[in-house]
Protein backbone atom coordinates (compact mmCIF):
# COMPACT_ATOMS: atom_id res chain seq x y z
CA MET A 1 8.82 -14.81 -1.06
CA LYS A 2 6.13 -16.42 -3.28
CA LEU A 3 2.52 -15.68 -2.91
CA SER A 4 -0.55 -16.90 -4.48
CA ALA A 5 -2.14 -13.63 -4.88
CA ARG A 6 -1.84 -12.40 -8.69
CA ASN A 7 -2.93 -8.86 -8.54
CA GLN A 8 0.37 -7.19 -7.35
CA LEU A 9 1.40 -3.31 -8.39
CA ALA A 10 4.68 -2.26 -7.98
CA GLY A 11 5.42 1.32 -7.31
CA LYS A 12 7.03 4.16 -5.00
CA VAL A 13 5.93 5.14 -1.70
CA THR A 14 4.71 8.84 -1.99
CA LYS A 15 3.45 9.47 1.38
CA VAL A 16 3.20 7.75 4.91
CA ASP A 17 0.71 9.41 7.57
CA VAL A 18 0.91 7.67 10.42
CA GLY A 19 -1.77 7.93 13.12
CA GLN A 20 -2.15 6.36 16.59
CA ILE A 21 -3.10 2.90 15.76
CA THR A 22 -3.12 2.95 11.66
CA ALA A 23 -1.14 4.39 8.91
CA LYS A 24 -2.37 5.56 5.14
CA VAL A 25 0.34 4.47 2.58
CA VAL A 26 0.14 5.68 -0.93
CA LEU A 27 2.22 4.06 -3.61
CA ASP A 28 2.58 5.94 -7.03
CA VAL A 29 1.92 2.77 -9.35
CA GLY A 30 2.95 4.43 -12.50
CA GLY A 31 0.98 5.90 -15.28
CA GLY A 32 -0.51 8.82 -13.03
CA ASN A 33 -2.03 6.19 -10.82
CA THR A 34 -1.93 5.70 -6.85
CA ILE A 35 -3.26 3.43 -4.77
CA ALA A 36 -3.62 3.87 -1.00
CA ALA A 37 -3.61 1.20 1.55
CA ILE A 38 -4.53 1.56 5.48
CA ILE A 39 -2.20 -0.79 7.42
CA SER A 40 -1.45 -0.90 11.20
CA LYS A 41 1.27 1.67 12.65
CA GLU A 42 3.44 -1.64 13.79
CA ALA A 43 3.36 -2.74 10.02
CA VAL A 44 4.80 0.48 8.94
CA GLU A 45 7.42 0.55 11.81
CA GLU A 46 8.31 -3.39 11.19
CA LEU A 47 8.94 -2.51 7.19
CA GLY A 48 10.43 0.58 7.92
CA LEU A 49 8.38 1.89 5.28
CA ALA A 50 9.16 5.69 4.20
CA ALA A 51 8.38 7.99 1.35
CA GLY A 52 10.50 7.25 -1.66
CA ASP A 53 10.64 3.35 -0.72
CA GLU A 54 10.06 0.78 -3.42
CA ALA A 55 7.16 -1.33 -2.63
CA THR A 56 4.30 -3.72 -3.81
CA ALA A 57 0.77 -3.51 -3.36
CA ILE A 58 -0.46 -6.99 -3.30
CA ILE A 59 -4.50 -7.15 -3.52
CA LYS A 60 -6.30 -10.34 -2.44
CA ALA A 61 -9.92 -9.51 -2.52
CA THR A 62 -13.16 -11.15 -3.68
CA GLU A 63 -14.69 -7.95 -4.51
CA VAL A 64 -14.16 -4.28 -4.49
CA MET A 65 -17.18 -1.85 -4.27
CA VAL A 66 -17.39 1.72 -5.12
CA ALA A 67 -20.32 3.94 -4.74
CA LYS A 68 -21.42 7.45 -5.09
């Protein structure tokens, strides 16, 4: 599959917390870094995501904001 998104981080799924509608998926992308994504429960089921799986975080956003 080819994508226009250039921000792709390959990693290993370390945790999948499934709720009633959404799920939090955590990827270890190396170098002590992790990235978490909130996706639908249905997507987790369709992809068959589980801890230990290889996966890629694909980031397509115009802005990221963090505040404290």
